[in-house]
Protein backbone atom coordinates (compact mmCIF):
# COMPACT_ATOMS: atom_id res chain seq x y z
CA MET A 1 -35.77 -44.89 101.19
CA LYS A 2 -37.79 -48.01 99.96
CA THR A 3 -37.49 -46.88 96.17
CA SER A 4 -33.35 -46.34 96.33
CA SER A 5 -33.07 -49.63 98.40
CA LYS A 6 -35.16 -51.42 95.37
CA ILE A 7 -32.84 -50.04 92.74
CA THR A 8 -29.63 -51.16 94.73
CA LYS A 9 -31.19 -54.78 95.20
CA LYS A 10 -31.53 -54.83 91.18
CA ARG A 11 -28.10 -53.69 90.43
CA LYS A 12 -26.89 -56.51 92.52
CA ASN A 13 -29.13 -59.05 90.81
CA GLY A 14 -27.61 -57.67 87.51
CA PHE A 15 -30.51 -56.64 85.36
CA LEU A 16 -29.89 -54.77 82.10
CA SER A 17 -27.76 -51.46 82.21
CA ARG A 18 -30.68 -49.71 80.19
CA MET A 19 -33.39 -50.84 82.34
CA LYS A 20 -31.32 -49.56 85.34
CA SER A 21 -30.85 -46.10 83.83
CA HIS A 22 -34.21 -45.47 82.51
CA LYS A 23 -35.89 -46.34 85.82
CA GLY A 24 -33.44 -44.08 87.56
CA LYS A 25 -34.16 -41.06 85.60
CA THR A 26 -37.91 -41.77 85.79
CA ILE A 27 -37.74 -41.60 89.51
CA ILE A 28 -35.73 -38.62 89.41
CA GLN A 29 -38.19 -36.79 87.23
CA GLN A 30 -41.27 -37.83 89.64
CA ARG A 31 -39.18 -36.38 92.75
CA ARG A 32 -38.49 -33.31 90.47
CA LYS A 33 -42.60 -32.94 90.07
CA LYS A 34 -43.08 -33.29 93.56
CA LYS A 35 -40.99 -30.79 94.79
CA ARG A 36 -42.71 -28.35 91.85
CA ASN A 37 -46.31 -29.16 93.16
CA LYS A 38 -45.22 -28.54 96.60
CA LEU A 39 -44.25 -24.98 95.67
CA THR A 40 -47.22 -24.46 93.76
CA LYS A 41 -49.16 -25.35 96.76
CA ILE A 42 -47.39 -22.79 98.98
């Protein structure tokens, strides 16, 4: 939840669109990795 709020704040501040898209992709990849790790542990 905290990460999503930070992204919205950065969008409001008007950061570079490239930076926004890149950071969003990296966060999505991290979430996918966490899900995979949970499946492997079980």
